[in-house]
Amino acid sequence: MLCNANAALEFVITGTPTPKVYVCRDDQPLSQNDHIHFLFEKGKFSLVINSVVHEDAGTYKITAENKAG
């Protein structure tokens, strides 16, 4: 990935009821801010990183859960 470029990871996530999605980087919970955004619409979840920097490197984990598991 080029520094200062934008990055997007997209996942198909479905379930009833609609799952809650959790994002971790290097096993640490990740929250939205001006740099990182989460979009979840019609079964498609996107993790968007604006202006990627070296500190964004790591292992990302997406977990989806609902009452059914």
Protein backbone atom coordinates (compact mmCIF):
# COMPACT_ATOMS: atom_id res chain seq x y z
CA MET A 1 0.00 0.00 0.00
CA LEU A 2 1.28 3.44 -0.86
CA CYS A 3 1.51 5.97 1.95
CA ASN A 4 -1.02 8.81 1.66
CA ALA A 5 -3.28 6.68 -0.58
CA ASN A 6 -6.74 5.66 0.60
CA ALA A 7 -7.48 2.01 1.37
CA ALA A 8 -10.77 0.14 1.58
CA LEU A 9 -11.44 -3.42 2.71
CA GLU A 10 -14.90 -4.75 1.86
CA PHE A 11 -16.75 -7.72 3.35
CA VAL A 12 -20.16 -9.29 2.83
CA ILE A 13 -21.84 -9.68 6.23
CA THR A 14 -25.39 -11.00 6.56
CA GLY A 15 -27.57 -12.27 9.36
CA THR A 16 -30.89 -11.87 11.10
CA PRO A 17 -31.01 -9.87 13.20
CA THR A 18 -28.45 -7.59 11.57
CA PRO A 19 -25.05 -8.35 13.13
CA LYS A 20 -22.97 -5.86 15.09
CA VAL A 21 -19.49 -5.55 13.56
CA TYR A 22 -16.26 -5.19 15.55
CA VAL A 23 -12.90 -4.20 14.06
CA CYS A 24 -9.48 -4.88 15.62
CA ARG A 25 -5.95 -4.08 14.48
CA ASP A 26 -3.25 -6.23 16.08
CA ASP A 27 -5.87 -7.51 18.58
CA GLN A 28 -6.74 -3.97 19.76
CA PRO A 29 -10.27 -2.58 19.22
CA LEU A 30 -10.37 0.01 16.49
CA SER A 31 -12.75 2.99 16.59
CA GLN A 32 -13.89 5.35 13.89
CA ASN A 33 -12.28 8.77 13.68
CA ASP A 34 -11.30 11.31 11.01
CA HIS A 35 -8.79 8.81 9.62
CA ILE A 36 -10.73 5.52 9.78
CA HIS A 37 -14.38 4.99 8.83
CA PHE A 38 -16.74 1.99 8.93
CA LEU A 39 -19.65 1.71 6.50
CA PHE A 40 -22.29 -1.03 6.84
CA GLU A 41 -25.14 -1.02 4.34
CA LYS A 42 -27.22 -3.76 2.72
CA GLY A 43 -24.95 -6.58 3.87
CA LYS A 44 -21.71 -4.90 2.78
CA PHE A 45 -19.24 -3.73 5.43
CA SER A 46 -16.35 -1.47 4.43
CA LEU A 47 -13.34 -0.41 6.47
CA VAL A 48 -11.96 2.77 4.90
CA ILE A 49 -8.59 4.27 5.85
CA ASN A 50 -7.95 7.78 4.54
CA SER A 51 -4.37 8.79 3.72
CA VAL A 52 -2.68 5.56 4.83
CA VAL A 53 0.42 5.99 7.00
CA HIS A 54 2.99 3.47 8.23
CA GLU A 55 1.22 3.24 11.61
CA ASP A 56 -1.83 1.73 9.86
CA ALA A 57 0.15 -1.46 9.15
CA GLY A 58 -0.93 -4.53 11.08
CA THR A 59 -3.30 -7.46 11.17
CA TYR A 60 -6.95 -6.46 10.89
CA LYS A 61 -9.75 -8.68 12.19
CA ILE A 62 -13.45 -8.17 11.47
CA THR A 63 -15.95 -9.95 13.75
CA ALA A 64 -19.71 -9.97 13.24
CA GLU A 65 -22.09 -11.09 15.98
CA ASN A 66 -25.82 -11.14 16.57
CA LYS A 67 -28.16 -12.85 19.06
CA ALA A 68 -27.99 -16.04 17.00
CA GLY A 69 -24.19 -16.14 17.34
